[in-house]
Amino acid sequence: MKPVSIFRHSMTEGPGYFATYLDAHRIPWRLTKIDTGEPVPRDPREFGGLCFMGGPMSVNDDLPWISAVLDLIRAAVRSGIPVIGHCLGGQLMAKALGGSVAANPVREIGWGNVTVPENAEARRWFGTLRGFLAFHWHGETFTIPPGAVRILESPFCTNQAFALGPHLALQCHVEMSSELIRAWCEGWERELRGMAGASVQTPAQMLEAIEQRVRTLNAVADRLYERWIDGLCA
């Protein structure tokens, strides 16, 4: 089986539970550390699927690797190789596929409810699930690219996820582990001082009942990842 290529854009935003899931299902994977200057592969056909993680940068920033990543996503979609994106990764997918990325009306940080809309594509990914408590950490959001379907929304961000055939783009973070959340909370004071409110939680709020919340989130991720790996190329 060809490995899944996981792209890390920031040292603190690794694959988390996504890698745990792949390991549990004996699916090989390879980490490309964009944050350390590793080059973006040119040919997606080397891999069974592509996964893009989060990061503090914007897809609209003038960074040397962004155009190469956008080209790689387009090539993967043309070749039928499944792509999944988490937060920044979902925004990269949106931009590559003809959507746009801009500031969200508010920053969305912490635990917050998301809703599964009533459409066939959402049912294909989520089954009978109507909503769940997701983890968020973003200030920008994507539009839905041509041909894709919105499959998740929240009160603070309308476009929380879209699907296009075997490809899944997420604005929210379903890949979180308790370790990742604790690590991100360490930077809260520096990044978000004075911003706590309806859409921005404090570290104390994010860490409340964290183990139970993460287990529930992992169960949702299981459902999505199971559907996604069905399309992996051998």
Protein backbone atom coordinates (compact mmCIF):
# COMPACT_ATOMS: atom_id res chain seq x y z
CA MET A 1 0.00 0.00 0.00
CA LYS A 2 1.24 3.48 -0.85
CA PRO A 3 1.74 5.74 2.20
CA VAL A 4 -0.45 8.69 3.07
CA SER A 5 1.57 11.90 2.86
CA ILE A 6 0.95 14.16 5.87
CA PHE A 7 2.06 17.79 5.55
CA ARG A 8 2.99 19.66 8.72
CA HIS A 9 3.16 23.45 8.45
CA SER A 10 3.98 24.23 12.09
CA MET A 11 5.88 22.19 14.67
CA THR A 12 3.04 22.48 17.20
CA GLU A 13 0.35 21.39 14.71
CA GLY A 14 1.26 17.80 13.99
CA PRO A 15 -1.01 15.00 12.77
CA GLY A 16 -2.39 14.19 16.22
CA TYR A 17 -5.23 11.68 16.20
CA PHE A 18 -5.11 11.36 12.40
CA ALA A 19 -1.76 9.54 12.68
CA THR A 20 -3.11 7.47 15.58
CA TYR A 21 -6.02 6.38 13.39
CA LEU A 22 -3.76 5.44 10.46
CA ASP A 23 -1.48 3.43 12.75
CA ALA A 24 -4.45 1.58 14.24
CA HIS A 25 -5.55 0.58 10.73
CA ARG A 26 -2.01 -0.31 9.60
CA ILE A 27 -1.95 2.38 6.95
CA PRO A 28 1.59 3.65 6.31
CA TRP A 29 2.20 7.37 6.37
CA ARG A 30 5.04 9.80 5.75
CA LEU A 31 5.45 13.23 7.35
CA THR A 32 6.62 16.14 5.21
CA LYS A 33 7.83 18.92 7.50
CA ILE A 34 7.09 22.09 5.55
CA ASP A 35 8.02 24.10 8.66
CA THR A 36 11.63 22.86 8.47
CA GLY A 37 11.98 23.54 4.76
CA GLU A 38 11.36 20.06 3.38
CA PRO A 39 10.34 20.26 -0.29
CA VAL A 40 6.79 19.70 -1.50
CA PRO A 41 6.57 16.50 -3.61
CA ARG A 42 5.70 17.10 -7.25
CA ASP A 43 3.79 13.92 -8.05
CA PRO A 44 0.82 12.96 -5.83
CA ARG A 45 0.75 9.51 -7.44
CA GLU A 46 3.58 8.51 -5.10
CA PHE A 47 1.00 8.39 -2.31
CA GLY A 48 -2.29 6.73 -1.49
CA GLY A 49 -3.70 10.02 -0.19
CA LEU A 50 -2.68 13.49 0.97
CA CYS A 51 -3.37 15.08 4.35
CA PHE A 52 -2.72 18.75 5.17
CA MET A 53 -2.60 19.88 8.79
CA GLY A 54 -3.10 23.32 10.35
CA GLY A 55 -0.77 26.28 10.82
CA PRO A 56 -0.69 29.90 11.99
CA MET A 57 -0.05 31.36 8.53
CA SER A 58 -2.59 32.38 5.88
CA VAL A 59 -2.94 30.69 2.51
CA ASN A 60 -2.83 34.26 1.13
CA ASP A 61 0.67 34.87 2.55
CA ASP A 62 3.58 35.13 0.14
CA LEU A 63 5.33 31.95 1.26
CA PRO A 64 7.53 29.92 -1.11
CA TRP A 65 5.77 26.58 -0.56
CA ILE A 66 2.13 27.63 -0.95
CA SER A 67 1.95 27.62 -4.75
CA ALA A 68 3.60 24.19 -4.86
CA VAL A 69 1.06 22.83 -2.35
CA LEU A 70 -1.85 24.27 -4.34
CA ASP A 71 -0.49 22.64 -7.51
CA LEU A 72 -0.10 19.33 -5.67
CA ILE A 73 -3.70 19.42 -4.43
CA ARG A 74 -5.01 20.13 -7.93
CA ALA A 75 -2.93 17.30 -9.37
CA ALA A 76 -4.20 14.90 -6.70
CA VAL A 77 -7.82 15.79 -7.38
CA ARG A 78 -7.29 15.33 -11.14
CA SER A 79 -5.73 11.92 -10.45
CA GLY A 80 -8.45 10.77 -8.06
CA ILE A 81 -6.10 10.64 -5.06
CA PRO A 82 -8.07 11.56 -1.92
CA VAL A 83 -7.12 14.74 -0.08
CA ILE A 84 -8.07 15.73 3.46
CA GLY A 85 -7.35 19.09 5.10
CA HIS A 86 -7.59 20.27 8.70
CA CYS A 87 -8.08 24.04 9.27
CA LEU A 88 -5.25 25.62 7.23
CA GLY A 89 -5.26 22.38 5.24
CA GLY A 90 -8.94 22.85 4.42
CA GLN A 91 -8.26 26.45 3.42
CA LEU A 92 -5.45 25.30 1.10
CA MET A 93 -7.87 22.85 -0.51
CA ALA A 94 -10.51 25.54 -0.94
CA LYS A 95 -8.09 27.94 -2.63
CA ALA A 96 -6.62 25.22 -4.85
CA LEU A 97 -10.09 24.18 -6.03
CA GLY A 98 -11.41 27.64 -6.91
CA GLY A 99 -12.67 28.96 -3.59
CA SER A 100 -11.29 31.86 -1.58
CA VAL A 101 -10.00 32.42 1.95
CA ALA A 102 -10.56 35.60 3.98
CA ALA A 103 -11.08 36.78 7.55
CA ASN A 104 -13.94 35.18 9.43
CA PRO A 105 -16.30 37.68 11.12
CA VAL A 106 -14.86 36.59 14.50
CA ARG A 107 -12.01 34.46 15.72
CA GLU A 108 -13.29 31.03 16.74
CA ILE A 109 -11.17 29.47 19.49
CA GLY A 110 -12.02 26.52 21.72
CA TRP A 111 -14.84 24.02 21.96
CA GLY A 112 -17.99 24.85 20.03
CA ASN A 113 -20.98 23.07 18.58
CA VAL A 114 -21.15 22.32 14.86
CA THR A 115 -24.23 21.21 12.93
CA VAL A 116 -24.55 18.74 10.07
CA PRO A 117 -26.84 20.24 7.39
CA GLU A 118 -29.58 18.26 5.71
CA ASN A 119 -28.09 17.16 2.40
CA ALA A 120 -27.14 13.83 0.89
CA GLU A 121 -23.41 14.50 0.91
CA ALA A 122 -23.42 15.38 4.61
CA ARG A 123 -25.34 12.18 5.33
CA ARG A 124 -22.73 10.21 3.36
CA TRP A 125 -19.96 11.47 5.63
CA PHE A 126 -21.77 11.75 8.96
CA GLY A 127 -24.56 9.19 8.74
CA THR A 128 -27.25 9.93 11.32
CA LEU A 129 -25.06 12.33 13.33
CA ARG A 130 -26.75 15.76 13.51
CA GLY A 131 -24.01 17.68 15.28
CA PHE A 132 -21.15 17.46 17.77
CA LEU A 133 -18.78 19.48 19.92
CA ALA A 134 -15.74 20.32 17.79
CA PHE A 135 -12.48 22.08 18.56
CA HIS A 136 -11.70 25.36 16.79
CA TRP A 137 -8.69 27.65 16.42
CA HIS A 138 -8.93 29.98 13.42
CA GLY A 139 -9.37 33.58 12.33
CA GLU A 140 -9.96 32.98 8.61
CA THR A 141 -12.44 30.87 6.70
CA PHE A 142 -12.99 29.48 3.20
CA THR A 143 -15.77 29.67 0.66
CA ILE A 144 -17.14 26.47 -0.83
CA PRO A 145 -15.37 25.80 -4.16
CA PRO A 146 -17.30 24.95 -7.35
CA GLY A 147 -18.75 21.44 -7.31
CA ALA A 148 -18.19 20.92 -3.58
CA VAL A 149 -20.92 20.68 -0.92
CA ARG A 150 -21.00 22.21 2.56
CA ILE A 151 -21.35 19.40 5.09
CA LEU A 152 -20.78 21.21 8.40
CA GLU A 153 -21.52 24.65 9.88
CA SER A 154 -21.36 26.53 13.19
CA PRO A 155 -22.90 29.68 14.68
CA PHE A 156 -19.61 31.58 14.30
CA CYS A 157 -18.47 30.17 10.95
CA THR A 158 -20.87 29.03 8.25
CA ASN A 159 -18.42 26.93 6.25
CA GLN A 160 -16.98 24.38 8.66
CA ALA A 161 -16.41 21.59 6.12
CA PHE A 162 -16.95 20.69 2.49
CA ALA A 163 -16.73 17.49 0.50
CA LEU A 164 -15.93 16.96 -3.15
CA GLY A 165 -16.16 13.28 -4.02
CA PRO A 166 -13.49 11.52 -1.91
CA HIS A 167 -11.95 14.81 -0.77
CA LEU A 168 -12.72 16.34 2.64
CA ALA A 169 -11.84 19.86 3.83
CA LEU A 170 -12.40 20.80 7.46
CA GLN A 171 -12.24 24.23 9.09
CA CYS A 172 -12.61 22.78 12.58
CA HIS A 173 -10.09 20.43 14.18
CA VAL A 174 -11.25 16.82 14.56
CA GLU A 175 -7.65 15.57 14.84
CA MET A 176 -7.07 16.93 18.35
CA SER A 177 -5.54 15.01 21.22
CA SER A 178 -5.49 16.28 24.79
CA GLU A 179 -1.72 16.80 24.41
CA LEU A 180 -2.18 19.03 21.37
CA ILE A 181 -4.86 21.12 23.08
CA ARG A 182 -2.68 21.64 26.15
CA ALA A 183 0.24 22.67 23.94
CA TRP A 184 -1.88 25.20 22.03
CA CYS A 185 -3.24 26.63 25.28
CA GLU A 186 0.32 27.52 26.30
CA GLY A 187 0.35 30.18 23.57
CA TRP A 188 -3.10 31.57 24.38
CA GLU A 189 -1.93 34.48 26.53
CA ARG A 190 0.51 35.65 23.86
CA GLU A 191 -1.93 35.35 20.95
CA LEU A 192 -5.35 36.08 22.42
CA ARG A 193 -4.97 38.28 25.50
CA GLY A 194 -8.14 40.29 26.07
CA MET A 195 -10.12 38.45 23.38
CA ALA A 196 -12.08 35.97 25.51
CA GLY A 197 -15.79 36.04 24.77
CA ALA A 198 -18.57 34.18 23.03
CA SER A 199 -16.35 32.83 20.24
CA VAL A 200 -13.00 32.73 22.09
CA GLN A 201 -12.58 30.50 25.13
CA THR A 202 -9.93 30.76 27.84
CA PRO A 203 -7.51 27.89 28.49
CA ALA A 204 -9.48 26.98 31.61
CA GLN A 205 -12.62 26.57 29.50
CA MET A 206 -10.79 24.56 26.85
CA LEU A 207 -9.24 22.20 29.39
CA GLU A 208 -12.49 21.52 31.27
CA ALA A 209 -13.51 17.83 30.94
CA ILE A 210 -10.85 17.56 28.24
CA GLU A 211 -10.37 13.79 28.28
CA GLN A 212 -14.08 13.07 27.86
CA ARG A 213 -14.47 15.71 25.15
CA VAL A 214 -11.45 14.42 23.22
CA ARG A 215 -12.75 10.84 23.34
CA THR A 216 -16.07 11.99 21.90
CA LEU A 217 -14.30 14.02 19.22
CA ASN A 218 -12.10 11.04 18.34
CA ALA A 219 -15.26 8.99 17.74
CA VAL A 220 -16.46 11.59 15.22
CA ALA A 221 -13.03 11.59 13.58
CA ASP A 222 -13.22 7.80 13.31
CA ARG A 223 -16.38 8.13 11.23
CA LEU A 224 -14.87 10.72 8.90
CA TYR A 225 -11.49 9.02 8.54
CA GLU A 226 -13.12 5.65 7.88
CA ARG A 227 -15.03 7.17 4.98
CA TRP A 228 -11.90 8.96 3.73
CA ILE A 229 -9.60 5.91 3.73
CA ASP A 230 -12.13 4.03 1.60
CA GLY A 231 -10.80 6.08 -1.32
CA LEU A 232 -7.08 5.51 -0.71
CA CYS A 233 -5.11 4.44 -3.76
CA ALA A 234 -3.22 1.15 -3.45
